Amino acid sequence: MKRLLLACLPLALAAGCAGLVPTEAPRAPDGEALTPQAALARVTPGAAKADVAAAIGPALRIDFDDGHSIWAYRWPDAAMPRDTRAATELVILFDRDGRVQKLRLRPGYR
């Protein structure tokens, strides 16, 4: 029984992590499909979290104990939709006050 559980552990971990990689591009709350450059243009340093969510929509979010947050938006590569390295990624760092401190657009690579 113990061996069966150990054998199934990698499958369970892979299934849990598969949901973290979005397979379609982010959409604005109004349903408009966004390109990475259009999403970047909607965010300005100093903007509040609510403004970013209203402009770009939901994100992958990481909240830190000290109050900082990171939001990530990914545009998957059509040829490799589950490969995070191939996805173009917009990463936004929020300060303790919930304002955009830094942002970066990283193009995907193969």
PDB file of N, CA and C in Angstrom:
ATOM      1  N   MET A   1       0.827  -1.198   0.000  1.00  0.00           N
ATOM      2  CA  MET A   1       0.000   0.000   0.000  1.00  0.00           C
ATOM      3  C   MET A   1       0.869   1.258   0.000  1.00  0.00           C
ATOM      4  N   LYS A   2       1.935   1.221   0.806  1.00  0.00           N
ATOM      5  CA  LYS A   2       2.822   2.374   0.886  1.00  0.00           C
ATOM      6  C   LYS A   2       3.483   2.649  -0.463  1.00  0.00           C
ATOM      7  N   ARG A   3       3.861   1.579  -1.162  1.00  0.00           N
ATOM      8  CA  ARG A   3       4.492   1.742  -2.478  1.00  0.00           C
ATOM      9  C   ARG A   3       3.510   2.317  -3.496  1.00  0.00           C
ATOM     10  N   LEU A   4       2.264   1.902  -3.401  1.00  0.00           N
ATOM     11  CA  LEU A   4       1.251   2.431  -4.305  1.00  0.00           C
ATOM     12  C   LEU A   4       1.079   3.934  -4.098  1.00  0.00           C
ATOM     13  N   LEU A   5       1.039   4.365  -2.849  1.00  0.00           N
ATOM     14  CA  LEU A   5       0.927   5.795  -2.561  1.00  0.00           C
ATOM     15  C   LEU A   5       2.129   6.566  -3.081  1.00  0.00           C
ATOM     16  N   LEU A   6       3.319   6.021  -2.889  1.00  0.00           N
ATOM     17  CA  LEU A   6       4.526   6.683  -3.391  1.00  0.00           C
ATOM     18  C   LEU A   6       4.549   6.727  -4.912  1.00  0.00           C
ATOM     19  N   ALA A   7       4.026   5.684  -5.545  1.00  0.00           N
ATOM     20  CA  ALA A   7       3.993   5.656  -7.011  1.00  0.00           C
ATOM     21  C   ALA A   7       3.004   6.677  -7.560  1.00  0.00           C
ATOM     22  N   CYS A   8       1.919   6.943  -6.829  1.00  0.00           N
ATOM     23  CA  CYS A   8       0.892   7.883  -7.295  1.00  0.00           C
ATOM     24  C   CYS A   8       1.218   9.337  -6.978  1.00  0.00           C
ATOM     25  N   LEU A   9       2.151   9.587  -6.075  1.00  0.00           N
ATOM     26  CA  LEU A   9       2.478  10.947  -5.667  1.00  0.00           C
ATOM     27  C   LEU A   9       2.910  11.831  -6.839  1.00  0.00           C
ATOM     28  N   PRO A  10       3.832  11.395  -7.719  1.00  0.00           N
ATOM     29  CA  PRO A  10       4.200  12.270  -8.841  1.00  0.00           C
ATOM     30  C   PRO A  10       3.028  12.593  -9.762  1.00  0.00           C
ATOM     31  N   LEU A  11       2.127  11.649  -9.959  1.00  0.00           N
ATOM     32  CA  LEU A  11       0.959  11.909 -10.805  1.00  0.00           C
ATOM     33  C   LEU A  11       0.046  12.951 -10.177  1.00  0.00           C
ATOM     34  N   ALA A  12      -0.146  12.851  -8.863  1.00  0.00           N
ATOM     35  CA  ALA A  12      -0.983  13.831  -8.174  1.00  0.00           C
ATOM     36  C   ALA A  12      -0.367  15.223  -8.225  1.00  0.00           C
ATOM     37  N   LEU A  13       0.947  15.303  -8.046  1.00  0.00           N
ATOM     38  CA  LEU A  13       1.623  16.607  -8.106  1.00  0.00           C
ATOM     39  C   LEU A  13       1.531  17.199  -9.507  1.00  0.00           C
ATOM     40  N   ALA A  14       1.729  16.382 -10.527  1.00  0.00           N
ATOM     41  CA  ALA A  14       1.651  16.871 -11.909  1.00  0.00           C
ATOM     42  C   ALA A  14       0.244  17.356 -12.234  1.00  0.00           C
ATOM     43  N   ALA A  15      -0.759  16.616 -11.776  1.00  0.00           N
ATOM     44  CA  ALA A  15      -2.144  17.030 -12.031  1.00  0.00           C
ATOM     45  C   ALA A  15      -2.465  18.339 -11.325  1.00  0.00           C
ATOM     46  N   GLY A  16      -1.950  18.519 -10.117  1.00  0.00           N
ATOM     47  CA  GLY A  16      -2.196  19.756  -9.385  1.00  0.00           C
ATOM     48  C   GLY A  16      -1.520  20.944 -10.005  1.00  0.00           C
ATOM     49  N   CYS A  17      -0.320  20.763 -10.531  1.00  0.00           N
ATOM     50  CA  CYS A  17       0.428  21.866 -11.134  1.00  0.00           C
ATOM     51  C   CYS A  17      -0.062  22.204 -12.532  1.00  0.00           C
ATOM     52  N   ALA A  18      -0.707  21.261 -13.209  1.00  0.00           N
ATOM     53  CA  ALA A  18      -1.172  21.514 -14.576  1.00  0.00           C
ATOM     54  C   ALA A  18      -2.178  22.645 -14.623  1.00  0.00           C
ATOM     55  N   GLY A  19      -2.938  22.830 -13.561  1.00  0.00           N
ATOM     56  CA  GLY A  19      -3.919  23.906 -13.536  1.00  0.00           C
ATOM     57  C   GLY A  19      -3.311  25.283 -13.375  1.00  0.00           C
ATOM     58  N   LEU A  20      -2.022  25.389 -13.049  1.00  0.00           N
ATOM     59  CA  LEU A  20      -1.382  26.682 -12.846  1.00  0.00           C
ATOM     60  C   LEU A  20      -0.968  27.348 -14.151  1.00  0.00           C
ATOM     61  N   VAL A  21      -0.944  26.594 -15.235  1.00  0.00           N
ATOM     62  CA  VAL A  21      -0.515  27.138 -16.522  1.00  0.00           C
ATOM     63  C   VAL A  21      -1.752  27.404 -17.371  1.00  0.00           C
ATOM     64  N   PRO A  22      -2.127  28.663 -17.547  1.00  0.00           N
ATOM     65  CA  PRO A  22      -3.309  28.942 -18.365  1.00  0.00           C
ATOM     66  C   PRO A  22      -3.052  28.558 -19.811  1.00  0.00           C
ATOM     67  N   THR A  23      -4.074  28.020 -20.468  1.00  0.00           N
ATOM     68  CA  THR A  23      -3.916  27.591 -21.850  1.00  0.00           C
ATOM     69  C   THR A  23      -4.536  28.564 -22.839  1.00  0.00           C
ATOM     70  N   GLU A  24      -5.052  29.676 -22.369  1.00  0.00           N
ATOM     71  CA  GLU A  24      -5.538  30.707 -23.282  1.00  0.00           C
ATOM     72  C   GLU A  24      -5.103  32.079 -22.787  1.00  0.00           C
ATOM     73  N   ALA A  25      -5.075  33.020 -23.702  1.00  0.00           N
ATOM     74  CA  ALA A  25      -4.580  34.363 -23.400  1.00  0.00           C
ATOM     75  C   ALA A  25      -5.531  35.092 -22.451  1.00  0.00           C
ATOM     76  N   PRO A  26      -4.989  35.997 -21.626  1.00  0.00           N
ATOM     77  CA  PRO A  26      -5.840  36.792 -20.738  1.00  0.00           C
ATOM     78  C   PRO A  26      -6.817  37.655 -21.525  1.00  0.00           C
ATOM     79  N   ARG A  27      -7.960  37.877 -20.906  1.00  0.00           N
ATOM     80  CA  ARG A  27      -8.979  38.740 -21.495  1.00  0.00           C
ATOM     81  C   ARG A  27      -9.319  39.840 -20.496  1.00  0.00           C
ATOM     82  N   ALA A  28      -9.595  40.992 -21.020  1.00  0.00           N
ATOM     83  CA  ALA A  28     -10.032  42.110 -20.184  1.00  0.00           C
ATOM     84  C   ALA A  28     -11.399  41.760 -19.600  1.00  0.00           C
ATOM     85  N   PRO A  29     -11.769  42.395 -18.504  1.00  0.00           N
ATOM     86  CA  PRO A  29     -13.085  42.116 -17.908  1.00  0.00           C
ATOM     87  C   PRO A  29     -14.257  42.308 -18.871  1.00  0.00           C
ATOM     88  N   ASP A  30     -14.093  43.135 -19.892  1.00  0.00           N
ATOM     89  CA  ASP A  30     -15.167  43.323 -20.871  1.00  0.00           C
ATOM     90  C   ASP A  30     -15.164  42.239 -21.949  1.00  0.00           C
ATOM     91  N   GLY A  31     -14.240  41.255 -21.846  1.00  0.00           N
ATOM     92  CA  GLY A  31     -14.185  40.150 -22.791  1.00  0.00           C
ATOM     93  C   GLY A  31     -13.226  40.354 -23.940  1.00  0.00           C
ATOM     94  N   GLU A  32     -12.646  41.536 -24.042  1.00  0.00           N
ATOM     95  CA  GLU A  32     -11.711  41.839 -25.127  1.00  0.00           C
ATOM     96  C   GLU A  32     -10.425  41.018 -24.962  1.00  0.00           C
ATOM     97  N   ALA A  33      -9.999  40.363 -26.043  1.00  0.00           N
ATOM     98  CA  ALA A  33      -8.727  39.637 -26.018  1.00  0.00           C
ATOM     99  C   ALA A  33      -7.594  40.657 -25.986  1.00  0.00           C
ATOM    100  N   LEU A  34      -6.644  40.437 -25.114  1.00  0.00           N
ATOM    101  CA  LEU A  34      -5.531  41.368 -24.951  1.00  0.00           C
ATOM    102  C   LEU A  34      -4.242  40.773 -25.493  1.00  0.00           C
ATOM    103  N   THR A  35      -3.473  41.587 -26.174  1.00  0.00           N
ATOM    104  CA  THR A  35      -2.115  41.200 -26.522  1.00  0.00           C
ATOM    105  C   THR A  35      -1.229  41.586 -25.339  1.00  0.00           C
ATOM    106  N   PRO A  36      -0.039  41.002 -25.235  1.00  0.00           N
ATOM    107  CA  PRO A  36       0.848  41.395 -24.143  1.00  0.00           C
ATOM    108  C   PRO A  36       1.145  42.895 -24.135  1.00  0.00           C
ATOM    109  N   GLN A  37       1.341  43.483 -25.310  1.00  0.00           N
ATOM    110  CA  GLN A  37       1.652  44.910 -25.392  1.00  0.00           C
ATOM    111  C   GLN A  37       0.454  45.764 -24.982  1.00  0.00           C
ATOM    112  N   ALA A  38      -0.760  45.326 -25.324  1.00  0.00           N
ATOM    113  CA  ALA A  38      -1.962  46.076 -24.931  1.00  0.00           C
ATOM    114  C   ALA A  38      -2.159  46.013 -23.422  1.00  0.00           C
ATOM    115  N   ALA A  39      -1.892  44.852 -22.834  1.00  0.00           N
ATOM    116  CA  ALA A  39      -2.005  44.721 -21.376  1.00  0.00           C
ATOM    117  C   ALA A  39      -0.976  45.602 -20.683  1.00  0.00           C
ATOM    118  N   LEU A  40       0.253  45.608 -21.183  1.00  0.00           N
ATOM    119  CA  LEU A  40       1.307  46.441 -20.609  1.00  0.00           C
ATOM    120  C   LEU A  40       0.930  47.914 -20.677  1.00  0.00           C
ATOM    121  N   ALA A  41       0.317  48.331 -21.776  1.00  0.00           N
ATOM    122  CA  ALA A  41      -0.079  49.733 -21.943  1.00  0.00           C
ATOM    123  C   ALA A  41      -1.191  50.139 -20.969  1.00  0.00           C
ATOM    124  N   ARG A  42      -1.955  49.174 -20.464  1.00  0.00           N
ATOM    125  CA  ARG A  42      -3.048  49.471 -19.532  1.00  0.00           C
ATOM    126  C   ARG A  42      -2.577  49.648 -18.087  1.00  0.00           C
ATOM    127  N   VAL A  43      -1.311  49.321 -17.801  1.00  0.00           N
ATOM    128  CA  VAL A  43      -0.804  49.383 -16.427  1.00  0.00           C
ATOM    129  C   VAL A  43       0.234  50.491 -16.311  1.00  0.00           C
ATOM    130  N   THR A  44       0.107  51.318 -15.297  1.00  0.00           N
ATOM    131  CA  THR A  44       1.089  52.365 -15.050  1.00  0.00           C
ATOM    132  C   THR A  44       1.645  52.217 -13.637  1.00  0.00           C
ATOM    133  N   PRO A  45       2.908  52.561 -13.430  1.00  0.00           N
ATOM    134  CA  PRO A  45       3.449  52.528 -12.071  1.00  0.00           C
ATOM    135  C   PRO A  45       2.604  53.413 -11.153  1.00  0.00           C
ATOM    136  N   GLY A  46       2.335  52.898  -9.970  1.00  0.00           N
ATOM    137  CA  GLY A  46       1.522  53.631  -9.006  1.00  0.00           C
ATOM    138  C   GLY A  46       0.049  53.265  -9.041  1.00  0.00           C
ATOM    139  N   ALA A  47      -0.372  52.496 -10.048  1.00  0.00           N
ATOM    140  CA  ALA A  47      -1.778  52.100 -10.138  1.00  0.00           C
ATOM    141  C   ALA A  47      -2.126  51.132  -9.011  1.00  0.00           C
ATOM    142  N   ALA A  48      -3.372  51.168  -8.557  1.00  0.00           N
ATOM    143  CA  ALA A  48      -3.839  50.286  -7.495  1.00  0.00           C
ATOM    144  C   ALA A  48      -4.203  48.911  -8.056  1.00  0.00           C
ATOM    145  N   LYS A  49      -4.229  47.909  -7.166  1.00  0.00           N
ATOM    146  CA  LYS A  49      -4.591  46.550  -7.572  1.00  0.00           C
ATOM    147  C   LYS A  49      -5.960  46.510  -8.247  1.00  0.00           C
ATOM    148  N   ALA A  50      -6.914  47.242  -7.705  1.00  0.00           N
ATOM    149  CA  ALA A  50      -8.264  47.255  -8.274  1.00  0.00           C
ATOM    150  C   ALA A  50      -8.254  47.801  -9.698  1.00  0.00           C
ATOM    151  N   ASP A  51      -7.412  48.804  -9.956  1.00  0.00           N
ATOM    152  CA  ASP A  51      -7.318  49.375 -11.303  1.00  0.00           C
ATOM    153  C   ASP A  51      -6.726  48.362 -12.282  1.00  0.00           C
ATOM    154  N   VAL A  52      -5.709  47.623 -11.837  1.00  0.00           N
ATOM    155  CA  VAL A  52      -5.083  46.616 -12.695  1.00  0.00           C
ATOM    156  C   VAL A  52      -6.073  45.495 -12.983  1.00  0.00           C
ATOM    157  N   ALA A  53      -6.776  45.022 -11.960  1.00  0.00           N
ATOM    158  CA  ALA A  53      -7.762  43.961 -12.151  1.00  0.00           C
ATOM    159  C   ALA A  53      -8.876  44.409 -13.099  1.00  0.00           C
ATOM    160  N   ALA A  54      -9.280  45.661 -12.996  1.00  0.00           N
ATOM    161  CA  ALA A  54     -10.324  46.184 -13.874  1.00  0.00           C
ATOM    162  C   ALA A  54      -9.831  46.329 -15.310  1.00  0.00           C
ATOM    163  N   ALA A  55      -8.550  46.610 -15.489  1.00  0.00           N
ATOM    164  CA  ALA A  55      -8.003  46.826 -16.824  1.00  0.00           C
ATOM    165  C   ALA A  55      -7.615  45.535 -17.536  1.00  0.00           C
ATOM    166  N   ILE A  56      -7.084  44.564 -16.778  1.00  0.00           N
ATOM    167  CA  ILE A  56      -6.548  43.359 -17.410  1.00  0.00           C
ATOM    168  C   ILE A  56      -7.310  42.098 -17.030  1.00  0.00           C
ATOM    169  N   GLY A  57      -7.915  42.071 -15.850  1.00  0.00           N
ATOM    170  CA  GLY A  57      -8.641  40.881 -15.432  1.00  0.00           C
ATOM    171  C   GLY A  57      -7.877  40.088 -14.388  1.00  0.00           C
ATOM    172  N   PRO A  58      -8.335  38.873 -14.115  1.00  0.00           N
ATOM    173  CA  PRO A  58      -7.713  38.050 -13.077  1.00  0.00           C
ATOM    174  C   PRO A  58      -6.314  37.594 -13.457  1.00  0.00           C
ATOM    175  N   ALA A  59      -5.476  37.366 -12.435  1.00  0.00           N
ATOM    176  CA  ALA A  59      -4.078  36.983 -12.649  1.00  0.00           C
ATOM    177  C   ALA A  59      -3.714  35.812 -11.758  1.00  0.00           C
ATOM    178  N   LEU A  60      -2.565  35.220 -12.030  1.00  0.00           N
ATOM    179  CA  LEU A  60      -1.949  34.302 -11.082  1.00  0.00           C
ATOM    180  C   LEU A  60      -1.353  35.192 -10.014  1.00  0.00           C
ATOM    181  N   ARG A  61      -1.696  34.966  -8.741  1.00  0.00           N
ATOM    182  CA  ARG A  61      -1.295  35.895  -7.682  1.00  0.00           C
ATOM    183  C   ARG A  61      -0.464  35.189  -6.617  1.00  0.00           C
ATOM    184  N   ILE A  62       0.560  35.891  -6.168  1.00  0.00           N
ATOM    185  CA  ILE A  62       1.377  35.427  -5.050  1.00  0.00           C
ATOM    186  C   ILE A  62       1.442  36.569  -4.054  1.00  0.00           C
ATOM    187  N   ASP A  63       0.976  36.309  -2.828  1.00  0.00           N
ATOM    188  CA  ASP A  63       1.000  37.304  -1.767  1.00  0.00           C
ATOM    189  C   ASP A  63       2.074  36.929  -0.760  1.00  0.00           C
ATOM    190  N   PHE A  64       2.902  37.891  -0.375  1.00  0.00           N
ATOM    191  CA  PHE A  64       3.978  37.667   0.574  1.00  0.00           C
ATOM    192  C   PHE A  64       3.580  38.173   1.962  1.00  0.00           C
ATOM    193  N   ASP A  65       4.211  37.617   2.972  1.00  0.00           N
ATOM    194  CA  ASP A  65       3.904  37.984   4.359  1.00  0.00           C
ATOM    195  C   ASP A  65       4.158  39.456   4.658  1.00  0.00           C
ATOM    196  N   ASP A  66       5.123  40.064   3.962  1.00  0.00           N
ATOM    197  CA  ASP A  66       5.455  41.462   4.241  1.00  0.00           C
ATOM    198  C   ASP A  66       4.509  42.457   3.567  1.00  0.00           C
ATOM    199  N   GLY A  67       3.509  41.958   2.829  1.00  0.00           N
ATOM    200  CA  GLY A  67       2.532  42.841   2.203  1.00  0.00           C
ATOM    201  C   GLY A  67       2.701  43.019   0.709  1.00  0.00           C
ATOM    202  N   HIS A  68       3.860  42.655   0.155  1.00  0.00           N
ATOM    203  CA  HIS A  68       4.064  42.743  -1.291  1.00  0.00           C
ATOM    204  C   HIS A  68       3.269  41.643  -1.998  1.00  0.00           C
ATOM    205  N   SER A  69       2.966  41.857  -3.264  1.00  0.00           N
ATOM    206  CA  SER A  69       2.267  40.869  -4.087  1.00  0.00           C
ATOM    207  C   SER A  69       2.875  40.858  -5.473  1.00  0.00           C
ATOM    208  N   ILE A  70       2.786  39.709  -6.117  1.00  0.00           N
ATOM    209  CA  ILE A  70       3.170  39.579  -7.517  1.00  0.00           C
ATOM    210  C   ILE A  70       1.967  39.038  -8.262  1.00  0.00           C
ATOM    211  N   TRP A  71       1.637  39.676  -9.368  1.00  0.00           N
ATOM    212  CA  TRP A  71       0.598  39.183 -10.258  1.00  0.00           C
ATOM    213  C   TRP A  71       1.265  38.849 -11.574  1.00  0.00           C
ATOM    214  N   ALA A  72       0.894  37.710 -12.152  1.00  0.00           N
ATOM    215  CA  ALA A  72       1.467  37.283 -13.429  1.00  0.00           C
ATOM    216  C   ALA A  72       0.350  36.982 -14.425  1.00  0.00           C
ATOM    217  N   TYR A  73       0.550  37.428 -15.634  1.00  0.00           N
ATOM    218  CA  TYR A  73      -0.352  37.150 -16.748  1.00  0.00           C
ATOM    219  C   TYR A  73       0.468  36.432 -17.806  1.00  0.00           C
ATOM    220  N   ARG A  74      -0.058  35.341 -18.368  1.00  0.00           N
ATOM    221  CA  ARG A  74       0.689  34.559 -19.363  1.00  0.00           C
ATOM    222  C   ARG A  74      -0.110  34.404 -20.640  1.00  0.00           C
ATOM    223  N   TRP A  75       0.606  34.582 -21.752  1.00  0.00           N
ATOM    224  CA  TRP A  75       0.057  34.339 -23.075  1.00  0.00           C
ATOM    225  C   TRP A  75       0.767  33.115 -23.625  1.00  0.00           C
ATOM    226  N   PRO A  76       0.112  31.951 -23.637  1.00  0.00           N
ATOM    227  CA  PRO A  76       0.775  30.717 -24.064  1.00  0.00           C
ATOM    228  C   PRO A  76       1.154  30.744 -25.541  1.00  0.00           C
ATOM    229  N   ASP A  77       2.213  30.038 -25.859  1.00  0.00           N
ATOM    230  CA  ASP A  77       2.630  29.835 -27.238  1.00  0.00           C
ATOM    231  C   ASP A  77       1.685  28.803 -27.852  1.00  0.00           C
ATOM    232  N   ALA A  78       1.187  29.064 -29.049  1.00  0.00           N
ATOM    233  CA  ALA A  78       0.219  28.158 -29.678  1.00  0.00           C
ATOM    234  C   ALA A  78       0.799  26.763 -29.902  1.00  0.00           C
ATOM    235  N   ALA A  79       2.091  26.684 -30.203  1.00  0.00           N
ATOM    236  CA  ALA A  79       2.706  25.384 -30.464  1.00  0.00           C
ATOM    237  C   ALA A  79       2.966  24.597 -29.187  1.00  0.00           C
ATOM    238  N   MET A  80       3.168  25.296 -28.067  1.00  0.00           N
ATOM    239  CA  MET A  80       3.462  24.630 -26.791  1.00  0.00           C
ATOM    240  C   MET A  80       2.648  25.292 -25.675  1.00  0.00           C
ATOM    241  N   PRO A  81       1.330  25.067 -25.647  1.00  0.00           N
ATOM    242  CA  PRO A  81       0.480  25.811 -24.709  1.00  0.00           C
ATOM    243  C   PRO A  81       0.730  25.530 -23.232  1.00  0.00           C
ATOM    244  N   ARG A  82       1.313  24.410 -22.872  1.00  0.00           N
ATOM    245  CA  ARG A  82       1.551  24.088 -21.458  1.00  0.00           C
ATOM    246  C   ARG A  82       2.972  24.390 -21.004  1.00  0.00           C
ATOM    247  N   ASP A  83       3.814  24.897 -21.882  1.00  0.00           N
ATOM    248  CA  ASP A  83       5.204  25.201 -21.544  1.00  0.00           C
ATOM    249  C   ASP A  83       5.313  26.655 -21.097  1.00  0.00           C
ATOM    250  N   THR A  84       5.576  26.875 -19.808  1.00  0.00           N
ATOM    251  CA  THR A  84       5.646  28.244 -19.292  1.00  0.00           C
ATOM    252  C   THR A  84       6.835  29.007 -19.855  1.00  0.00           C
ATOM    253  N   ARG A  85       7.894  28.309 -20.272  1.00  0.00           N
ATOM    254  CA  ARG A  85       9.049  29.002 -20.849  1.00  0.00           C
ATOM    255  C   ARG A  85       8.708  29.606 -22.204  1.00  0.00           C
ATOM    256  N   ALA A  86       7.782  28.986 -22.926  1.00  0.00           N
ATOM    257  CA  ALA A  86       7.406  29.474 -24.253  1.00  0.00           C
ATOM    258  C   ALA A  86       6.360  30.586 -24.178  1.00  0.00           C
ATOM    259  N   ALA A  87       5.746  30.762 -23.023  1.00  0.00           N
ATOM    260  CA  ALA A  87       4.695  31.770 -22.869  1.00  0.00           C
ATOM    261  C   ALA A  87       5.297  33.157 -22.656  1.00  0.00           C
ATOM    262  N   THR A  88       4.670  34.148 -23.261  1.00  0.00           N
ATOM    263  CA  THR A  88       5.007  35.538 -22.965  1.00  0.00           C
ATOM    264  C   THR A  88       4.354  35.872 -21.632  1.00  0.00           C
ATOM    265  N   GLU A  89       5.072  36.589 -20.779  1.00  0.00           N
ATOM    266  CA  GLU A  89       4.601  36.796 -19.417  1.00  0.00           C
ATOM    267  C   GLU A  89       4.731  38.254 -18.997  1.00  0.00           C
ATOM    268  N   LEU A  90       3.654  38.790 -18.435  1.00  0.00           N
ATOM    269  CA  LEU A  90       3.661  40.118 -17.824  1.00  0.00           C
ATOM    270  C   LEU A  90       3.634  39.906 -16.321  1.00  0.00           C
ATOM    271  N   VAL A  91       4.658  40.405 -15.623  1.00  0.00           N
ATOM    272  CA  VAL A  91       4.766  40.252 -14.171  1.00  0.00           C
ATOM    273  C   VAL A  91       4.697  41.642 -13.546  1.00  0.00           C
ATOM    274  N   ILE A  92       3.834  41.769 -12.541  1.00  0.00           N
ATOM    275  CA  ILE A  92       3.626  43.050 -11.867  1.00  0.00           C
ATOM    276  C   ILE A  92       3.911  42.873 -10.381  1.00  0.00           C
ATOM    277  N   LEU A  93       4.782  43.729  -9.839  1.00  0.00           N
ATOM    278  CA  LEU A  93       5.087  43.729  -8.411  1.00  0.00           C
ATOM    279  C   LEU A  93       4.338  44.876  -7.751  1.00  0.00           C
ATOM    280  N   PHE A  94       3.565  44.532  -6.716  1.00  0.00           N
ATOM    281  CA  PHE A  94       2.834  45.537  -5.939  1.00  0.00           C
ATOM    282  C   PHE A  94       3.545  45.754  -4.611  1.00  0.00           C
ATOM    283  N   ASP A  95       3.602  47.003  -4.158  1.00  0.00           N
ATOM    284  CA  ASP A  95       4.208  47.308  -2.862  1.00  0.00           C
ATOM    285  C   ASP A  95       3.221  47.015  -1.732  1.00  0.00           C
ATOM    286  N   ARG A  96       3.614  47.333  -0.526  1.00  0.00           N
ATOM    287  CA  ARG A  96       2.779  47.050   0.650  1.00  0.00           C
ATOM    288  C   ARG A  96       1.458  47.812   0.629  1.00  0.00           C
ATOM    289  N   ASP A  97       1.418  48.932  -0.072  1.00  0.00           N
ATOM    290  CA  ASP A  97       0.199  49.737  -0.152  1.00  0.00           C
ATOM    291  C   ASP A  97      -0.725  49.289  -1.279  1.00  0.00           C
ATOM    292  N   GLY A  98      -0.345  48.234  -2.011  1.00  0.00           N
ATOM    293  CA  GLY A  98      -1.175  47.740  -3.103  1.00  0.00           C
ATOM    294  C   GLY A  98      -1.042  48.538  -4.383  1.00  0.00           C
ATOM    295  N   ARG A  99       0.093  49.201  -4.563  1.00  0.00           N
ATOM    296  CA  ARG A  99       0.352  50.004  -5.764  1.00  0.00           C
ATOM    297  C   ARG A  99       1.420  49.336  -6.623  1.00  0.00           C
ATOM    298  N   VAL A 100       1.318  49.506  -7.945  1.00  0.00           N
ATOM    299  CA  VAL A 100       2.310  48.927  -8.857  1.00  0.00           C
ATOM    300  C   VAL A 100       3.659  49.570  -8.586  1.00  0.00           C
ATOM    301  N   GLN A 101       4.627  48.730  -8.244  1.00  0.00           N
ATOM    302  CA  GLN A 101       5.980  49.221  -7.997  1.00  0.00           C
ATOM    303  C   GLN A 101       6.850  48.999  -9.229  1.00  0.00           C
ATOM    304  N   LYS A 102       6.769  47.791  -9.807  1.00  0.00           N
ATOM    305  CA  LYS A 102       7.545  47.460 -11.004  1.00  0.00           C
ATOM    306  C   LYS A 102       6.712  46.549 -11.880  1.00  0.00           C
ATOM    307  N   LEU A 103       6.998  46.560 -13.179  1.00  0.00           N
ATOM    308  CA  LEU A 103       6.384  45.621 -14.090  1.00  0.00           C
ATOM    309  C   LEU A 103       7.372  45.246 -15.179  1.00  0.00           C
ATOM    310  N   ARG A 104       7.176  44.040 -15.711  1.00  0.00           N
ATOM    311  CA  ARG A 104       8.116  43.535 -16.705  1.00  0.00           C
ATOM    312  C   ARG A 104       7.371  42.641 -17.673  1.00  0.00           C
ATOM    313  N   LEU A 105       7.679  42.779 -18.949  1.00  0.00           N
ATOM    314  CA  LEU A 105       7.137  41.917 -19.991  1.00  0.00           C
ATOM    315  C   LEU A 105       8.273  41.045 -20.488  1.00  0.00           C
ATOM    316  N   ARG A 106       8.134  39.722 -20.311  1.00  0.00           N
ATOM    317  CA  ARG A 106       9.166  38.787 -20.727  1.00  0.00           C
ATOM    318  C   ARG A 106       8.642  37.994 -21.915  1.00  0.00           C
ATOM    319  N   PRO A 107       9.318  38.098 -23.063  1.00  0.00           N
ATOM    320  CA  PRO A 107       8.867  37.309 -24.210  1.00  0.00           C
ATOM    321  C   PRO A 107       9.173  35.830 -23.981  1.00  0.00           C
ATOM    322  N   GLY A 108       8.344  34.984 -24.550  1.00  0.00           N
ATOM    323  CA  GLY A 108       8.568  33.540 -24.444  1.00  0.00           C
ATOM    324  C   GLY A 108       9.748  33.111 -25.293  1.00  0.00           C
ATOM    325  N   TYR A 109      10.293  31.974 -24.962  1.00  0.00           N
ATOM    326  CA  TYR A 109      11.401  31.426 -25.743  1.00  0.00           C
ATOM    327  C   TYR A 109      11.250  29.924 -25.823  1.00  0.00           C
ATOM    328  N   ARG A 110      11.917  29.339 -26.789  1.00  0.00           N
ATOM    329  CA  ARG A 110      11.850  27.880 -26.983  1.00  0.00           C
ATOM    330  C   ARG A 110      13.201  27.277 -26.817  1.00  0.00           C
TER     331      ARG A 110
END
